[in-house]
Structure formats: C-alpha cells, structure tokens
Protein backbone atom coordinates (compact mmCIF):
# COMPACT_ATOMS: atom_id res chain seq x y z
CA MET A 1 8.94 0.78 -46.44
CA GLU A 2 7.40 2.69 -43.51
CA VAL A 3 9.01 0.27 -41.04
CA PHE A 4 12.40 0.72 -42.76
CA TYR A 5 12.32 4.50 -42.21
CA ILE A 6 11.14 4.10 -38.61
CA ALA A 7 13.96 1.59 -38.02
CA LEU A 8 16.55 4.02 -39.41
CA LEU A 9 15.11 6.83 -37.30
CA THR A 10 15.20 4.56 -34.23
CA LEU A 11 18.88 3.80 -34.79
CA ILE A 12 19.78 7.50 -35.09
CA ALA A 13 17.57 8.60 -32.21
CA SER A 14 18.76 5.80 -29.91
CA THR A 15 22.40 6.63 -30.55
CA ILE A 16 22.05 10.38 -30.03
CA GLY A 17 19.52 9.98 -27.22
CA THR A 18 21.83 7.67 -25.27
CA ILE A 19 24.91 9.87 -25.72
CA THR A 20 23.08 12.95 -24.48
CA GLY A 21 20.83 11.25 -21.94
CA PHE A 22 17.74 12.80 -23.60
CA GLY A 23 16.24 9.52 -24.76
CA THR A 24 14.69 9.02 -28.20
CA SER A 25 11.46 11.01 -27.88
CA THR A 26 12.94 14.45 -28.56
CA ILE A 27 14.18 13.28 -31.95
CA MET A 28 11.59 10.69 -33.00
CA ILE A 29 8.25 12.28 -32.17
CA PRO A 30 8.62 15.45 -34.32
CA VAL A 31 9.45 13.21 -37.32
CA LEU A 32 6.94 10.41 -36.77
CA VAL A 33 3.94 12.74 -36.37
CA MET A 34 4.41 13.61 -40.04
CA PHE A 35 3.63 10.00 -40.97
CA LEU A 36 1.51 8.61 -38.12
CA PRO A 37 -1.42 9.93 -36.07
CA PRO A 38 0.02 11.78 -33.04
CA VAL A 39 -1.36 9.32 -30.47
CA GLU A 40 0.11 6.32 -32.32
CA ALA A 41 3.46 8.09 -32.74
CA ILE A 42 3.69 9.00 -29.04
CA PHE A 43 2.69 5.50 -27.88
CA LEU A 44 5.12 3.76 -30.25
CA VAL A 45 7.99 6.03 -29.21
CA ALA A 46 7.11 5.59 -25.53
CA ILE A 47 7.61 1.82 -25.88
CA ILE A 48 10.91 2.22 -27.74
CA HIS A 49 11.99 4.87 -25.23
CA TRP A 50 11.23 2.48 -22.34
CA PHE A 51 13.59 -0.11 -23.78
CA GLY A 52 16.13 2.65 -24.43
CA ASP A 53 16.04 3.47 -20.71
CA ILE A 54 16.74 -0.19 -19.93
CA TRP A 55 19.73 -0.19 -22.30
CA LYS A 56 21.13 2.97 -20.66
CA VAL A 57 20.82 1.47 -17.18
CA ALA A 58 22.33 -1.85 -18.30
CA LEU A 59 25.22 -0.37 -20.28
CA PHE A 60 26.14 2.24 -17.65
CA ARG A 61 25.12 0.28 -14.54
CA GLN A 62 28.50 0.98 -12.91
CA GLY A 63 27.33 4.57 -12.53
CA ILE A 64 24.08 3.82 -10.66
CA ASN A 65 23.80 6.05 -7.59
CA LEU A 66 20.63 5.06 -5.73
CA LYS A 67 20.82 8.00 -3.36
CA LEU A 68 20.94 10.52 -6.19
CA ILE A 69 18.23 8.69 -8.12
CA LEU A 70 15.87 8.67 -5.14
CA TRP A 71 16.43 12.31 -4.21
CA PHE A 72 16.26 13.48 -7.81
CA GLY A 73 13.63 11.11 -9.17
CA LEU A 74 10.90 10.81 -6.54
CA ILE A 75 10.32 14.54 -6.13
CA GLY A 76 10.57 14.86 -9.91
CA LEU A 77 7.57 12.57 -10.43
CA ALA A 78 5.43 14.62 -8.03
CA ALA A 79 6.59 17.93 -9.50
CA SER A 80 5.89 16.74 -13.05
CA TYR A 81 2.27 16.12 -12.08
CA LEU A 82 2.03 19.68 -10.75
CA GLY A 83 3.62 21.10 -13.90
CA ALA A 84 1.32 19.08 -16.14
CA SER A 85 -1.74 20.26 -14.21
CA LEU A 86 -0.73 23.91 -14.58
CA SER A 87 -0.04 23.51 -18.29
CA LEU A 88 -3.55 22.28 -19.10
CA GLY A 89 -5.22 24.74 -21.42
CA ALA A 90 -1.97 26.64 -22.02
CA ASP A 91 -0.77 27.43 -25.52
CA GLN A 92 1.74 24.62 -26.20
CA PRO A 93 3.74 26.36 -29.00
CA THR A 94 4.28 29.36 -26.71
CA LEU A 95 5.41 27.10 -23.87
CA LEU A 96 7.87 25.30 -26.16
CA ARG A 97 9.29 28.63 -27.39
CA VAL A 98 9.86 29.67 -23.77
CA LEU A 99 11.57 26.34 -23.11
CA GLY A 100 13.65 26.72 -26.28
CA SER A 101 14.86 30.15 -25.20
CA PHE A 102 15.76 28.81 -21.77
CA LEU A 103 17.68 25.84 -23.21
CA VAL A 104 19.64 28.04 -25.62
CA VAL A 105 20.67 30.46 -22.87
CA TYR A 106 21.60 27.63 -20.54
CA ALA A 107 23.62 25.78 -23.21
CA VAL A 108 25.59 28.93 -24.09
CA PHE A 109 26.22 29.49 -20.38
CA LEU A 110 27.60 25.94 -20.03
CA MET A 111 29.87 26.37 -23.02
CA TYR A 112 31.41 29.58 -21.66
CA GLN A 113 31.36 28.60 -17.99
CA SER A 114 32.81 25.13 -18.33
CA LYS A 115 33.76 24.95 -14.63
CA PHE A 116 30.28 25.77 -13.35
CA LYS A 117 29.14 23.04 -10.99
CA ILE A 118 26.50 22.49 -8.31
CA PRO A 119 27.68 20.12 -5.56
CA ALA A 120 25.69 16.86 -5.78
CA SER A 121 24.27 17.20 -2.27
CA ASN A 122 20.86 15.95 -1.11
CA THR A 123 19.48 19.50 -1.12
CA ALA A 124 20.78 20.19 -4.63
CA ALA A 125 19.45 16.86 -5.94
CA PHE A 126 16.05 17.51 -4.33
CA SER A 127 15.89 21.02 -5.83
CA GLY A 128 17.08 19.82 -9.24
CA GLY A 129 14.58 16.97 -9.27
CA ALA A 130 11.72 19.29 -8.31
CA LEU A 131 12.61 21.88 -10.97
CA SER A 132 13.28 19.38 -13.76
CA GLY A 133 10.10 17.46 -12.98
CA PHE A 134 8.04 20.65 -12.94
CA PHE A 135 9.54 21.85 -16.23
CA ALA A 136 9.05 18.43 -17.84
CA GLY A 137 5.41 18.37 -16.78
CA MET A 138 4.88 21.96 -17.87
CA PHE A 139 6.50 21.64 -21.30
CA GLY A 140 5.98 17.93 -21.99
CA ILE A 141 9.66 17.35 -22.87
CA GLY A 142 11.23 15.30 -20.11
CA GLY A 143 14.64 14.17 -21.35
CA ALA A 144 16.11 17.50 -22.43
CA VAL A 145 14.87 19.29 -19.32
CA ARG A 146 16.16 16.56 -17.00
CA SER A 147 19.53 16.64 -18.75
CA MET A 148 19.69 20.41 -18.34
CA PHE A 149 19.59 20.05 -14.57
CA LEU A 150 21.74 16.92 -14.33
CA THR A 151 24.57 18.60 -16.25
CA ALA A 152 24.75 21.27 -13.54
CA PHE A 153 26.11 18.60 -11.17
CA ASP A 154 28.96 17.86 -13.60
CA LEU A 155 28.56 14.15 -12.85
CA PRO A 156 30.85 11.42 -14.16
CA LYS A 157 29.57 10.19 -17.54
CA ALA A 158 28.32 6.83 -16.29
CA VAL A 159 26.54 8.36 -13.27
CA TYR A 160 24.87 10.98 -15.46
CA LEU A 161 23.59 8.45 -18.02
CA ALA A 162 22.57 5.80 -15.48
CA THR A 163 20.65 8.40 -13.47
CA ALA A 164 18.91 9.77 -16.57
CA GLY A 165 18.03 6.23 -17.67
CA THR A 166 16.65 5.11 -14.31
CA ILE A 167 14.48 8.20 -13.84
CA GLY A 168 13.30 7.94 -17.45
CA LEU A 169 12.38 4.28 -16.89
CA ALA A 170 10.09 5.21 -14.00
CA VAL A 171 8.45 8.03 -15.93
CA ASP A 172 8.00 5.98 -19.12
CA SER A 173 6.52 3.02 -17.22
CA THR A 174 3.86 5.36 -15.84
CA ARG A 175 3.22 6.83 -19.30
CA ILE A 176 2.84 3.46 -21.03
CA ILE A 177 0.44 2.13 -18.40
CA THR A 178 -1.61 5.32 -18.70
CA TYR A 179 -1.78 5.10 -22.50
CA PHE A 180 -2.65 1.39 -22.45
CA THR A 181 -5.37 1.65 -19.79
CA GLY A 182 -6.70 4.72 -21.60
CA GLY A 183 -7.42 2.62 -24.66
CA VAL A 184 -4.56 3.72 -26.90
CA VAL A 185 -3.72 0.98 -29.44
CA LEU A 186 -1.33 0.51 -32.32
CA PRO A 187 -2.09 -1.02 -35.72
CA SER A 188 -0.95 -4.63 -35.95
CA HIS A 189 1.94 -3.83 -38.32
CA LEU A 190 3.41 -1.38 -35.78
CA TRP A 191 3.18 -4.00 -33.01
CA TRP A 192 5.08 -6.43 -35.26
CA SER A 193 7.60 -3.73 -36.13
CA LEU A 194 8.67 -3.63 -32.47
CA LEU A 195 10.36 -7.01 -33.05
CA ILE A 196 12.77 -5.08 -35.27
CA LEU A 197 12.77 -1.66 -33.59
CA ILE A 198 13.63 -2.86 -30.07
CA PRO A 199 16.83 -4.72 -31.10
CA ILE A 200 17.79 -1.74 -33.28
CA SER A 201 17.40 0.57 -30.29
CA PHE A 202 19.88 -1.63 -28.43
CA VAL A 203 22.33 -1.42 -31.33
CA GLY A 204 22.06 2.37 -31.21
CA ALA A 205 22.63 2.40 -27.44
CA HIS A 206 25.64 0.09 -27.81
CA VAL A 207 27.14 2.35 -30.49
CA ALA A 208 26.52 5.32 -28.19
CA LYS A 209 28.37 3.61 -25.33
CA ARG A 210 31.44 3.19 -27.54
CA VAL A 211 31.25 6.87 -28.47
CA VAL A 212 30.76 7.98 -24.85
CA ASP A 213 33.75 5.87 -23.75
CA ARG A 214 35.90 7.86 -26.20
CA ILE A 215 34.70 11.30 -25.07
CA PRO A 216 36.99 12.76 -22.38
CA GLN A 217 35.15 13.50 -19.13
CA ASP A 218 36.06 17.20 -19.30
CA LYS A 219 34.50 17.44 -22.79
CA PHE A 220 31.38 15.39 -22.12
CA ARG A 221 29.33 18.22 -20.67
CA THR A 222 30.15 20.40 -23.67
CA VAL A 223 28.83 17.65 -25.97
CA VAL A 224 25.54 17.59 -24.04
CA ALA A 225 25.41 21.41 -24.09
CA VAL A 226 25.73 21.42 -27.91
CA PHE A 227 22.75 19.08 -28.23
CA LEU A 228 20.78 21.13 -25.69
CA PHE A 229 21.49 24.20 -27.83
CA ALA A 230 20.27 22.40 -30.97
CA VAL A 231 17.08 21.22 -29.26
CA GLY A 232 16.50 24.72 -27.88
CA ILE A 233 16.82 26.27 -31.34
CA LYS A 234 14.38 23.71 -32.71
CA PHE A 235 11.74 24.52 -30.06
CA LEU A 236 12.34 28.24 -30.47
CA LEU A 237 11.86 28.26 -34.25
CA TRP A 238 9.64 25.21 -34.87
CA PRO A 239 7.61 24.45 -31.71
C-alpha cells in the first residue's frame, strides 16, 4: 500500500514538476518525510528526480541551448556550494520563510508585470546562474529558485524546460553520488519500487508535455508564476 501512495504522488509530482520546471522534489519531499525517514525520502526522491530531468531533456530536446546552459549552469554549481557553506548552522525554517516571502513577491510581480524580461545575454545568464545557484545552496530548494530566475528571461517554453532539466540533471547526479558514497541506503522494497516509480515518472512527464503544448507561450510564464506563488506561500506558512 505504501508503494501505491508513493506511485500516485510520483505521478502528480512528475506532471506538475515538469510543467513548471521545478522537478518533483518540491512536491514529494514534504509529503514523503511524513512516512519515511528524511534521509530515505530525500535519496528516493533524488533518484526519481534524476530520471525526471532526463524525461524533460528528452521531451523538450528541441529547446536545448548549450550556450545558455553552460553560462547559467556552470557558475550555478559553484555558487550553490558557496550558498550551502554559508547556510551551515543557520536556522532552516527561518531561511525557508525568507525564501517563501521572496517567491511570493516575485510571483505577484510577474503576474502584474507580464512584459518584464531580461535579455538572455551571456552577462544576464551568468548573473542569473550565480544568483539561482547561491539561493539554491542557501535554501536547499533548487528547482523553484532556478525557475524564478529562468522565468525572468521569458524564454520559449521548450528552451525554459530543457534548460531547467539539463541543469537539474547535473545537480542531481552530484547529489546522488554524494548520498551513495556517504553510505545512504534504501530498504530493499524501496529499491524494487523504483521499477514502478521510474516508468510512472515518465508517464507524468509525458502528460505534462501534452499540457505544455496546449498552453499559449504568452500565458506560460503566468502558469509558472502561479506555482511559484503557491510554493512561496507553503514555505512562508509551513517551512
């Protein structure tokens, strides 16, 4: 029965996570930690999230922009390490409330300033990658923070999702290797459950692609802003 609920959660999280570019962690981890030890929940979601990144890249591969990915992603990895180092010993609920407030304000700004756009230049991508990486390392929530900065470029849907997926793939690969070499393990039934959860995550991503294809480009950023607002409220009230 536990696997059934995790499978249903995976389907929902994969669908929403792909549409918004956040990935599945933002949705799955807060729920799974109520049923699994935190370390097991984070490791399990990291594996599912890694496959979710692959589905995003594969389904939206026509939007891959290597130049943007390199400028945005490489500095982001370095900045995330700096942010994580500075956050050590900090009060995590307070940090998440600060992040929640920031996301809410930014989402409202996007909704009312629908034409706001930062030109996708090398300098802007470098700055956005540095800031998003630092915030992700500081607050521990990568997908929502990265999406916050990527939406400022007002990218075409496929470019936005392919970029988010590729950067997420690099970050998640590093995370999984770190967990595994650090001795984190899953119970055998959770390892076996991946045979079900991974295909379900693809189904969710495929459903999301159909939804994204139906969302007009000029409305897509508003959809992401609504989800950013919801995530911000969650962190603000229930860190």
